[in-house]
Amino acid sequence: MSRLDDTREFIPVRIAVLSVSDTRGPDDDRSGDTLVARLTDAGHVLAARAMVTDDRDKIAGQLRAWINDKDVDVVMSTGGTGLTGRDVTVEAHKDVYEKEITAFGTVFTMVSMTKIGTSAVQSRATAGVAGGTYLFALPGSTGACKDAWDEILVKQLDYRHRPCNFVEIFPRLEEHKRRK
């Protein structure tokens, strides 16, 4: 079973938050605010924050900029993961992934089922890795952001979490690029 190993030192992760919306702005970005509050309360560092419209190229462009920023370890986006015509965040994420973390969507759905029942099938939350950076696409509701953070990400982004976590494999994400 998972647990925190208090013999290991906490390692703060540098996290960027991207809010995707055609209808909200910085003053009413509750989901972005929720993620920022949770990650900083956990001891992590807010590396950057931005807001873009539901435009696939703009979303992918911001993701690429942060993937290429050595001061960003993780990107969490919120919004644009639904089923409507303007929901293109998932496609933008997949445009930049080198590897998809397929189990993230499954685990997120399992968590969501306990909160919102079968409405969980309407989310397309996803995650992947590119350029040594973890990328998470979360729904735009504050409840979904809380669930993703509280039930999955707070644990997987904590080096002390056992039996394994995302932080401990950071050094190996780009091992294929090293010379042999």
N, C-alpha and C. Protein backbone atom coordinates (compact mmCIF):
# COMPACT_ATOMS: atom_id res chain seq x y z
N MET A 1 0.84 -1.19 0.00
CA MET A 1 0.00 0.00 0.00
C MET A 1 0.89 1.25 0.00
N SER A 2 0.37 2.32 -0.52
CA SER A 2 1.17 3.54 -0.58
C SER A 2 1.29 4.18 0.80
N ARG A 3 2.41 4.89 0.97
CA ARG A 3 2.69 5.53 2.27
C ARG A 3 3.75 6.59 2.07
N LEU A 4 3.91 7.46 3.07
CA LEU A 4 5.00 8.43 3.07
C LEU A 4 6.16 7.87 3.87
N ASP A 5 7.33 7.96 3.32
CA ASP A 5 8.55 7.51 3.99
C ASP A 5 9.23 8.73 4.58
N ASP A 6 9.06 8.94 5.88
CA ASP A 6 9.61 10.12 6.55
C ASP A 6 11.13 10.12 6.65
N THR A 7 11.77 9.02 6.27
CA THR A 7 13.24 9.01 6.27
C THR A 7 13.79 9.70 5.03
N ARG A 8 12.94 9.93 4.04
CA ARG A 8 13.35 10.62 2.80
C ARG A 8 13.05 12.11 2.93
N GLU A 9 13.90 12.92 2.36
CA GLU A 9 13.72 14.37 2.40
C GLU A 9 12.76 14.81 1.30
N PHE A 10 11.88 15.75 1.63
CA PHE A 10 10.96 16.31 0.64
C PHE A 10 11.75 17.12 -0.39
N ILE A 11 11.44 16.94 -1.66
CA ILE A 11 12.09 17.67 -2.74
C ILE A 11 11.04 18.53 -3.44
N PRO A 12 11.12 19.87 -3.31
CA PRO A 12 10.14 20.73 -3.99
C PRO A 12 10.28 20.61 -5.51
N VAL A 13 9.15 20.58 -6.18
CA VAL A 13 9.08 20.49 -7.63
C VAL A 13 8.62 21.85 -8.16
N ARG A 14 9.18 22.25 -9.30
CA ARG A 14 8.82 23.54 -9.92
C ARG A 14 7.69 23.30 -10.92
N ILE A 15 6.53 23.86 -10.61
CA ILE A 15 5.31 23.56 -11.35
C ILE A 15 4.76 24.82 -12.02
N ALA A 16 4.42 24.69 -13.31
CA ALA A 16 3.75 25.76 -14.05
C ALA A 16 2.27 25.41 -14.18
N VAL A 17 1.41 26.42 -14.08
CA VAL A 17 -0.03 26.22 -14.19
C VAL A 17 -0.55 26.98 -15.39
N LEU A 18 -1.23 26.27 -16.28
CA LEU A 18 -1.81 26.86 -17.49
C LEU A 18 -3.32 26.71 -17.43
N SER A 19 -4.03 27.82 -17.46
CA SER A 19 -5.49 27.80 -17.50
C SER A 19 -5.94 28.03 -18.93
N VAL A 20 -6.85 27.20 -19.39
CA VAL A 20 -7.35 27.28 -20.75
C VAL A 20 -8.83 27.64 -20.70
N SER A 21 -9.19 28.81 -21.27
CA SER A 21 -10.58 29.24 -21.24
C SER A 21 -10.85 30.34 -22.24
N ASP A 22 -12.04 30.29 -22.82
CA ASP A 22 -12.53 31.37 -23.67
C ASP A 22 -13.40 32.33 -22.88
N THR A 23 -13.79 31.93 -21.68
CA THR A 23 -14.77 32.72 -20.93
C THR A 23 -14.23 33.29 -19.62
N ARG A 24 -13.13 32.79 -19.14
CA ARG A 24 -12.59 33.28 -17.86
C ARG A 24 -11.31 34.04 -18.10
N GLY A 25 -11.00 34.90 -17.12
CA GLY A 25 -9.76 35.66 -17.17
C GLY A 25 -9.01 35.46 -15.87
N PRO A 26 -7.87 36.13 -15.72
CA PRO A 26 -7.06 35.96 -14.51
C PRO A 26 -7.80 36.27 -13.21
N ASP A 27 -8.78 37.16 -13.26
CA ASP A 27 -9.49 37.55 -12.04
C ASP A 27 -10.51 36.52 -11.56
N ASP A 28 -10.94 35.63 -12.45
CA ASP A 28 -11.92 34.62 -12.04
C ASP A 28 -11.48 33.20 -12.43
N ASP A 29 -10.19 32.98 -12.37
CA ASP A 29 -9.60 31.67 -12.68
C ASP A 29 -9.54 30.82 -11.41
N ARG A 30 -10.69 30.36 -10.97
CA ARG A 30 -10.76 29.62 -9.70
C ARG A 30 -10.01 28.29 -9.75
N SER A 31 -10.07 27.61 -10.88
CA SER A 31 -9.36 26.32 -10.97
C SER A 31 -7.85 26.51 -10.94
N GLY A 32 -7.36 27.51 -11.67
CA GLY A 32 -5.93 27.83 -11.60
C GLY A 32 -5.52 28.22 -10.20
N ASP A 33 -6.36 29.04 -9.55
CA ASP A 33 -6.08 29.45 -8.16
C ASP A 33 -6.03 28.24 -7.24
N THR A 34 -6.94 27.30 -7.46
CA THR A 34 -6.99 26.08 -6.64
C THR A 34 -5.69 25.29 -6.77
N LEU A 35 -5.23 25.11 -7.99
CA LEU A 35 -3.98 24.36 -8.20
C LEU A 35 -2.79 25.09 -7.58
N VAL A 36 -2.72 26.41 -7.77
CA VAL A 36 -1.61 27.18 -7.19
C VAL A 36 -1.61 27.05 -5.67
N ALA A 37 -2.77 27.20 -5.05
CA ALA A 37 -2.85 27.09 -3.59
C ALA A 37 -2.42 25.71 -3.11
N ARG A 38 -2.87 24.68 -3.78
CA ARG A 38 -2.55 23.33 -3.34
C ARG A 38 -1.07 23.00 -3.53
N LEU A 39 -0.51 23.38 -4.66
CA LEU A 39 0.90 23.03 -4.89
C LEU A 39 1.82 23.81 -3.96
N THR A 40 1.50 25.07 -3.70
CA THR A 40 2.36 25.84 -2.79
C THR A 40 2.17 25.40 -1.34
N ASP A 41 0.93 25.06 -0.96
CA ASP A 41 0.69 24.55 0.40
C ASP A 41 1.45 23.25 0.64
N ALA A 42 1.65 22.47 -0.42
CA ALA A 42 2.38 21.20 -0.30
C ALA A 42 3.90 21.41 -0.25
N GLY A 43 4.36 22.65 -0.49
CA GLY A 43 5.79 22.92 -0.44
C GLY A 43 6.48 23.01 -1.78
N HIS A 44 5.71 22.91 -2.87
CA HIS A 44 6.28 23.03 -4.20
C HIS A 44 6.39 24.49 -4.61
N VAL A 45 7.02 24.75 -5.75
CA VAL A 45 7.28 26.10 -6.22
C VAL A 45 6.42 26.37 -7.45
N LEU A 46 5.72 27.51 -7.45
CA LEU A 46 5.01 27.93 -8.65
C LEU A 46 6.05 28.54 -9.57
N ALA A 47 6.38 27.83 -10.64
CA ALA A 47 7.43 28.25 -11.56
C ALA A 47 6.92 29.28 -12.56
N ALA A 48 5.66 29.17 -12.95
CA ALA A 48 5.07 30.08 -13.92
C ALA A 48 3.57 29.87 -13.93
N ARG A 49 2.88 30.86 -14.46
CA ARG A 49 1.42 30.75 -14.60
C ARG A 49 1.00 31.55 -15.82
N ALA A 50 0.08 30.98 -16.59
CA ALA A 50 -0.41 31.66 -17.79
C ALA A 50 -1.84 31.24 -18.06
N MET A 51 -2.49 32.02 -18.92
CA MET A 51 -3.84 31.72 -19.36
C MET A 51 -3.89 31.89 -20.87
N VAL A 52 -4.48 30.93 -21.57
CA VAL A 52 -4.66 31.00 -23.01
C VAL A 52 -6.09 30.61 -23.37
N THR A 53 -6.51 31.00 -24.55
CA THR A 53 -7.83 30.62 -25.04
C THR A 53 -7.80 29.18 -25.53
N ASP A 54 -8.99 28.65 -25.81
CA ASP A 54 -9.12 27.28 -26.30
C ASP A 54 -8.65 27.21 -27.75
N ASP A 55 -7.36 27.29 -27.94
CA ASP A 55 -6.75 27.25 -29.26
C ASP A 55 -5.61 26.24 -29.21
N ARG A 56 -5.72 25.21 -30.00
CA ARG A 56 -4.76 24.10 -29.96
C ARG A 56 -3.32 24.56 -30.11
N ASP A 57 -3.06 25.44 -31.08
CA ASP A 57 -1.69 25.91 -31.32
C ASP A 57 -1.17 26.75 -30.16
N LYS A 58 -2.02 27.59 -29.58
CA LYS A 58 -1.60 28.41 -28.43
C LYS A 58 -1.29 27.54 -27.22
N ILE A 59 -2.13 26.55 -26.98
CA ILE A 59 -1.91 25.65 -25.85
C ILE A 59 -0.61 24.88 -26.04
N ALA A 60 -0.45 24.27 -27.21
CA ALA A 60 0.78 23.49 -27.50
C ALA A 60 2.01 24.39 -27.45
N GLY A 61 1.87 25.62 -27.94
CA GLY A 61 3.00 26.56 -27.90
C GLY A 61 3.44 26.87 -26.48
N GLN A 62 2.47 27.08 -25.58
CA GLN A 62 2.82 27.36 -24.19
C GLN A 62 3.43 26.12 -23.53
N LEU A 63 2.88 24.96 -23.83
CA LEU A 63 3.46 23.72 -23.29
C LEU A 63 4.91 23.57 -23.75
N ARG A 64 5.16 23.78 -25.03
CA ARG A 64 6.53 23.65 -25.56
C ARG A 64 7.48 24.66 -24.90
N ALA A 65 7.00 25.87 -24.70
CA ALA A 65 7.85 26.89 -24.06
C ALA A 65 8.26 26.43 -22.67
N TRP A 66 7.33 25.86 -21.92
CA TRP A 66 7.66 25.40 -20.58
C TRP A 66 8.48 24.12 -20.60
N ILE A 67 8.25 23.26 -21.58
CA ILE A 67 9.08 22.05 -21.71
C ILE A 67 10.54 22.45 -21.92
N ASN A 68 10.76 23.53 -22.64
CA ASN A 68 12.11 24.00 -22.93
C ASN A 68 12.69 24.91 -21.85
N ASP A 69 11.93 25.18 -20.81
CA ASP A 69 12.38 26.03 -19.70
C ASP A 69 12.96 25.14 -18.61
N LYS A 70 14.25 25.26 -18.35
CA LYS A 70 14.91 24.41 -17.35
C LYS A 70 14.38 24.64 -15.93
N ASP A 71 13.64 25.72 -15.73
CA ASP A 71 13.09 26.03 -14.42
C ASP A 71 11.68 25.48 -14.21
N VAL A 72 11.19 24.67 -15.15
CA VAL A 72 9.87 24.05 -15.04
C VAL A 72 10.05 22.53 -15.10
N ASP A 73 9.56 21.86 -14.05
CA ASP A 73 9.62 20.40 -13.98
C ASP A 73 8.30 19.75 -14.39
N VAL A 74 7.21 20.44 -14.08
CA VAL A 74 5.87 19.90 -14.27
C VAL A 74 4.97 21.01 -14.80
N VAL A 75 4.06 20.65 -15.70
CA VAL A 75 3.03 21.58 -16.17
C VAL A 75 1.68 20.95 -15.86
N MET A 76 0.82 21.73 -15.23
CA MET A 76 -0.56 21.31 -15.01
C MET A 76 -1.45 22.30 -15.74
N SER A 77 -2.25 21.80 -16.68
CA SER A 77 -3.22 22.67 -17.33
C SER A 77 -4.59 22.34 -16.79
N THR A 78 -5.48 23.33 -16.82
CA THR A 78 -6.85 23.13 -16.37
C THR A 78 -7.78 23.73 -17.41
N GLY A 79 -8.77 22.95 -17.81
CA GLY A 79 -9.74 23.41 -18.79
C GLY A 79 -9.53 22.80 -20.16
N GLY A 80 -10.62 22.69 -20.90
CA GLY A 80 -10.55 22.23 -22.27
C GLY A 80 -10.41 20.73 -22.45
N THR A 81 -10.79 19.95 -21.45
CA THR A 81 -10.66 18.49 -21.56
C THR A 81 -11.99 17.80 -21.82
N GLY A 82 -13.04 18.57 -22.04
CA GLY A 82 -14.37 17.99 -22.24
C GLY A 82 -14.61 17.54 -23.66
N LEU A 83 -15.88 17.51 -24.03
CA LEU A 83 -16.29 16.94 -25.31
C LEU A 83 -16.78 17.96 -26.33
N THR A 84 -16.83 19.22 -25.96
CA THR A 84 -17.38 20.20 -26.89
C THR A 84 -16.37 20.52 -27.99
N GLY A 85 -16.84 21.19 -29.01
CA GLY A 85 -15.99 21.53 -30.14
C GLY A 85 -14.79 22.38 -29.80
N ARG A 86 -14.90 23.23 -28.77
CA ARG A 86 -13.80 24.10 -28.37
C ARG A 86 -12.82 23.41 -27.44
N ASP A 87 -13.12 22.23 -26.95
CA ASP A 87 -12.24 21.52 -26.02
C ASP A 87 -11.11 20.83 -26.78
N VAL A 88 -9.95 21.49 -26.84
CA VAL A 88 -8.83 20.97 -27.62
C VAL A 88 -7.55 20.81 -26.79
N THR A 89 -7.67 20.93 -25.47
CA THR A 89 -6.48 20.82 -24.62
C THR A 89 -5.83 19.44 -24.73
N VAL A 90 -6.64 18.41 -24.75
CA VAL A 90 -6.10 17.05 -24.83
C VAL A 90 -5.32 16.87 -26.13
N GLU A 91 -5.87 17.35 -27.23
CA GLU A 91 -5.18 17.25 -28.51
C GLU A 91 -3.87 18.02 -28.49
N ALA A 92 -3.88 19.21 -27.90
CA ALA A 92 -2.65 20.01 -27.79
C ALA A 92 -1.60 19.29 -26.95
N HIS A 93 -2.02 18.70 -25.85
CA HIS A 93 -1.08 17.94 -25.03
C HIS A 93 -0.48 16.79 -25.83
N LYS A 94 -1.33 16.05 -26.50
CA LYS A 94 -0.85 14.88 -27.25
C LYS A 94 0.06 15.30 -28.41
N ASP A 95 -0.10 16.53 -28.89
CA ASP A 95 0.81 17.05 -29.93
C ASP A 95 2.25 17.14 -29.43
N VAL A 96 2.43 17.31 -28.12
CA VAL A 96 3.78 17.51 -27.59
C VAL A 96 4.32 16.32 -26.80
N TYR A 97 3.48 15.37 -26.42
CA TYR A 97 3.95 14.22 -25.65
C TYR A 97 5.00 13.41 -26.41
N GLU A 98 6.01 12.99 -25.67
CA GLU A 98 6.91 11.95 -26.16
C GLU A 98 6.38 10.59 -25.72
N LYS A 99 5.85 10.57 -24.50
CA LYS A 99 5.24 9.37 -23.95
C LYS A 99 3.99 9.79 -23.19
N GLU A 100 2.93 9.03 -23.39
CA GLU A 100 1.70 9.29 -22.64
C GLU A 100 1.70 8.44 -21.37
N ILE A 101 1.21 9.01 -20.30
CA ILE A 101 1.05 8.28 -19.04
C ILE A 101 -0.41 7.81 -19.02
N THR A 102 -0.67 6.72 -19.70
CA THR A 102 -2.05 6.30 -19.94
C THR A 102 -2.83 6.00 -18.66
N ALA A 103 -2.18 5.50 -17.64
CA ALA A 103 -2.89 5.16 -16.41
C ALA A 103 -3.41 6.40 -15.67
N PHE A 104 -2.85 7.58 -15.95
CA PHE A 104 -3.33 8.77 -15.25
C PHE A 104 -4.82 8.99 -15.52
N GLY A 105 -5.23 8.94 -16.77
CA GLY A 105 -6.64 9.13 -17.11
C GLY A 105 -7.53 8.09 -16.45
N THR A 106 -7.05 6.87 -16.40
CA THR A 106 -7.81 5.79 -15.78
C THR A 106 -7.97 6.04 -14.28
N VAL A 107 -6.87 6.37 -13.62
CA VAL A 107 -6.94 6.61 -12.18
C VAL A 107 -7.80 7.84 -11.89
N PHE A 108 -7.66 8.88 -12.72
CA PHE A 108 -8.49 10.07 -12.53
C PHE A 108 -9.97 9.71 -12.66
N THR A 109 -10.31 8.89 -13.62
CA THR A 109 -11.70 8.46 -13.79
C THR A 109 -12.18 7.69 -12.56
N MET A 110 -11.34 6.83 -12.02
CA MET A 110 -11.71 6.07 -10.82
C MET A 110 -11.98 7.02 -9.65
N VAL A 111 -11.13 8.02 -9.47
CA VAL A 111 -11.33 9.01 -8.41
C VAL A 111 -12.63 9.77 -8.66
N SER A 112 -12.83 10.20 -9.89
CA SER A 112 -14.02 10.98 -10.24
C SER A 112 -15.31 10.19 -10.04
N MET A 113 -15.28 8.91 -10.31
CA MET A 113 -16.47 8.07 -10.13
C MET A 113 -16.99 8.13 -8.70
N THR A 114 -16.07 8.20 -7.74
CA THR A 114 -16.51 8.25 -6.34
C THR A 114 -17.13 9.60 -5.99
N LYS A 115 -16.86 10.62 -6.79
CA LYS A 115 -17.35 11.97 -6.52
C LYS A 115 -18.57 12.34 -7.35
N ILE A 116 -18.53 12.02 -8.67
CA ILE A 116 -19.59 12.47 -9.57
C ILE A 116 -20.26 11.34 -10.35
N GLY A 117 -19.98 10.11 -9.96
CA GLY A 117 -20.62 8.97 -10.60
C GLY A 117 -20.26 8.85 -12.07
N THR A 118 -21.24 8.42 -12.86
CA THR A 118 -20.97 8.16 -14.26
C THR A 118 -20.68 9.42 -15.07
N SER A 119 -20.89 10.59 -14.52
CA SER A 119 -20.50 11.82 -15.23
C SER A 119 -19.00 11.87 -15.47
N ALA A 120 -18.27 11.04 -14.77
CA ALA A 120 -16.81 10.97 -14.94
C ALA A 120 -16.42 10.57 -16.36
N VAL A 121 -17.30 9.91 -17.09
CA VAL A 121 -16.96 9.49 -18.45
C VAL A 121 -16.80 10.68 -19.40
N GLN A 122 -17.26 11.86 -19.00
CA GLN A 122 -17.17 13.02 -19.87
C GLN A 122 -15.82 13.73 -19.80
N SER A 123 -14.94 13.31 -18.91
CA SER A 123 -13.62 13.92 -18.81
C SER A 123 -12.62 13.15 -19.66
N ARG A 124 -11.69 13.91 -20.23
CA ARG A 124 -10.61 13.30 -21.00
C ARG A 124 -9.27 13.69 -20.37
N ALA A 125 -9.21 13.74 -19.05
CA ALA A 125 -7.96 14.08 -18.37
C ALA A 125 -6.85 13.17 -18.90
N THR A 126 -5.67 13.75 -19.07
CA THR A 126 -4.56 13.00 -19.65
C THR A 126 -3.25 13.48 -19.05
N ALA A 127 -2.21 12.71 -19.27
CA ALA A 127 -0.87 13.08 -18.81
C ALA A 127 0.17 12.47 -19.72
N GLY A 128 1.33 13.10 -19.71
CA GLY A 128 2.43 12.60 -20.53
C GLY A 128 3.74 13.22 -20.11
N VAL A 129 4.78 12.89 -20.86
CA VAL A 129 6.12 13.39 -20.61
C VAL A 129 6.69 13.89 -21.93
N ALA A 130 7.40 15.01 -21.86
CA ALA A 130 8.13 15.54 -23.02
C ALA A 130 9.31 16.36 -22.52
N GLY A 131 10.46 16.14 -23.10
CA GLY A 131 11.64 16.91 -22.73
C GLY A 131 11.97 16.85 -21.25
N GLY A 132 11.68 15.73 -20.62
CA GLY A 132 11.96 15.59 -19.19
C GLY A 132 10.97 16.33 -18.30
N THR A 133 9.85 16.78 -18.86
CA THR A 133 8.83 17.52 -18.12
C THR A 133 7.54 16.71 -18.09
N TYR A 134 6.93 16.62 -16.91
CA TYR A 134 5.63 15.97 -16.79
C TYR A 134 4.55 16.98 -17.17
N LEU A 135 3.54 16.51 -17.91
CA LEU A 135 2.43 17.35 -18.36
C LEU A 135 1.12 16.70 -17.95
N PHE A 136 0.26 17.47 -17.27
CA PHE A 136 -1.03 16.96 -16.83
C PHE A 136 -2.12 17.88 -17.34
N ALA A 137 -3.12 17.32 -18.02
CA ALA A 137 -4.27 18.08 -18.49
C ALA A 137 -5.46 17.71 -17.62
N LEU A 138 -5.92 18.67 -16.83
CA LEU A 138 -7.01 18.46 -15.89
C LEU A 138 -8.26 19.20 -16.34
N PRO A 139 -9.43 18.72 -15.96
CA PRO A 139 -10.65 19.45 -16.29
C PRO A 139 -10.65 20.85 -15.67
N GLY A 140 -11.57 21.67 -16.14
CA GLY A 140 -11.62 23.06 -15.70
C GLY A 140 -12.40 23.32 -14.43
N SER A 141 -13.03 22.32 -13.86
CA SER A 141 -13.79 22.55 -12.62
C SER A 141 -12.86 22.52 -11.42
N THR A 142 -13.17 23.34 -10.42
CA THR A 142 -12.35 23.35 -9.21
C THR A 142 -12.40 22.00 -8.52
N GLY A 143 -13.56 21.35 -8.54
CA GLY A 143 -13.68 20.04 -7.91
C GLY A 143 -12.75 19.02 -8.54
N ALA A 144 -12.69 19.03 -9.87
CA ALA A 144 -11.82 18.09 -10.57
C ALA A 144 -10.35 18.38 -10.28
N CYS A 145 -10.00 19.66 -10.20
CA CYS A 145 -8.61 20.03 -9.88
C CYS A 145 -8.26 19.58 -8.48
N LYS A 146 -9.17 19.78 -7.54
CA LYS A 146 -8.94 19.32 -6.17
C LYS A 146 -8.76 17.80 -6.13
N ASP A 147 -9.65 17.09 -6.83
CA ASP A 147 -9.58 15.62 -6.84
C ASP A 147 -8.26 15.13 -7.44
N ALA A 148 -7.86 15.71 -8.57
CA ALA A 148 -6.61 15.29 -9.22
C ALA A 148 -5.42 15.56 -8.31
N TRP A 149 -5.41 16.73 -7.67
CA TRP A 149 -4.28 17.05 -6.79
C TRP A 149 -4.32 16.20 -5.53
N ASP A 150 -5.45 16.21 -4.83
CA ASP A 150 -5.54 15.57 -3.51
C ASP A 150 -5.41 14.05 -3.57
N GLU A 151 -5.88 13.45 -4.64
CA GLU A 151 -5.91 11.99 -4.71
C GLU A 151 -4.76 11.37 -5.53
N ILE A 152 -4.14 12.18 -6.41
CA ILE A 152 -3.10 11.61 -7.28
C ILE A 152 -1.80 12.41 -7.21
N LEU A 153 -1.87 13.67 -7.62
CA LEU A 153 -0.65 14.44 -7.84
C LEU A 153 0.11 14.78 -6.56
N VAL A 154 -0.58 15.08 -5.48
CA VAL A 154 0.15 15.40 -4.24
C VAL A 154 1.03 14.23 -3.82
N LYS A 155 0.60 13.02 -4.12
CA LYS A 155 1.37 11.84 -3.77
C LYS A 155 2.47 11.57 -4.79
N GLN A 156 2.12 11.59 -6.06
CA GLN A 156 3.09 11.26 -7.09
C GLN A 156 4.17 12.32 -7.27
N LEU A 157 3.91 13.55 -6.81
CA LEU A 157 4.92 14.61 -6.90
C LEU A 157 5.65 14.80 -5.57
N ASP A 158 5.56 13.82 -4.71
CA ASP A 158 6.25 13.85 -3.42
C ASP A 158 7.29 12.72 -3.40
N TYR A 159 8.55 13.10 -3.34
CA TYR A 159 9.66 12.14 -3.36
C TYR A 159 9.55 11.11 -2.24
N ARG A 160 8.87 11.46 -1.16
CA ARG A 160 8.75 10.56 -0.01
C ARG A 160 7.69 9.48 -0.22
N HIS A 161 6.85 9.62 -1.24
CA HIS A 161 5.77 8.66 -1.47
C HIS A 161 6.32 7.33 -1.93
N ARG A 162 5.89 6.28 -1.28
CA ARG A 162 6.34 4.93 -1.58
C ARG A 162 5.15 4.09 -1.98
N PRO A 163 5.26 3.13 -2.84
CA PRO A 163 6.51 2.52 -3.24
C PRO A 163 7.24 3.24 -4.38
N CYS A 164 6.59 4.15 -5.08
CA CYS A 164 7.28 4.88 -6.14
C CYS A 164 6.56 6.20 -6.41
N ASN A 165 7.22 7.09 -7.13
CA ASN A 165 6.65 8.39 -7.42
C ASN A 165 7.31 8.97 -8.66
N PHE A 166 6.72 10.03 -9.21
CA PHE A 166 7.28 10.67 -10.41
C PHE A 166 8.61 11.37 -10.15
N VAL A 167 8.80 11.89 -8.96
CA VAL A 167 10.00 12.69 -8.66
C VAL A 167 11.26 11.85 -8.74
N GLU A 168 11.22 10.64 -8.22
CA GLU A 168 12.43 9.82 -8.19
C GLU A 168 12.91 9.39 -9.57
N ILE A 169 12.03 9.46 -10.57
CA ILE A 169 12.49 9.06 -11.90
C ILE A 169 12.78 10.26 -12.81
N PHE A 170 12.70 11.49 -12.28
CA PHE A 170 13.10 12.66 -13.07
C PHE A 170 14.43 12.46 -13.79
N PRO A 171 15.48 12.02 -13.08
CA PRO A 171 16.78 11.89 -13.75
C PRO A 171 16.80 10.90 -14.91
N ARG A 172 15.84 10.00 -14.95
CA ARG A 172 15.84 8.96 -15.98
C ARG A 172 14.92 9.28 -17.16
N LEU A 173 14.16 10.37 -17.10
CA LEU A 173 13.20 10.66 -18.15
C LEU A 173 13.85 10.87 -19.51
N GLU A 174 15.09 11.35 -19.51
CA GLU A 174 15.76 11.59 -20.78
C GLU A 174 17.04 10.77 -20.93
N GLU A 175 17.08 9.63 -20.26
CA GLU A 175 18.28 8.80 -20.34
C GLU A 175 18.55 8.30 -21.76
N HIS A 176 17.54 8.23 -22.60
CA HIS A 176 17.72 7.79 -23.96
C HIS A 176 18.55 8.79 -24.79
N LYS A 177 18.69 10.01 -24.30
CA LYS A 177 19.43 11.04 -25.03
C LYS A 177 20.92 11.05 -24.67
N ARG A 178 21.27 10.32 -23.60
CA ARG A 178 22.68 10.26 -23.21
C ARG A 178 23.48 9.41 -24.17
N ARG A 179 24.72 9.79 -24.35
CA ARG A 179 25.60 8.99 -25.20
C ARG A 179 25.95 7.69 -24.49
N LYS A 180 26.09 6.66 -25.28
CA LYS A 180 26.42 5.35 -24.70
C LYS A 180 27.89 5.10 -24.80
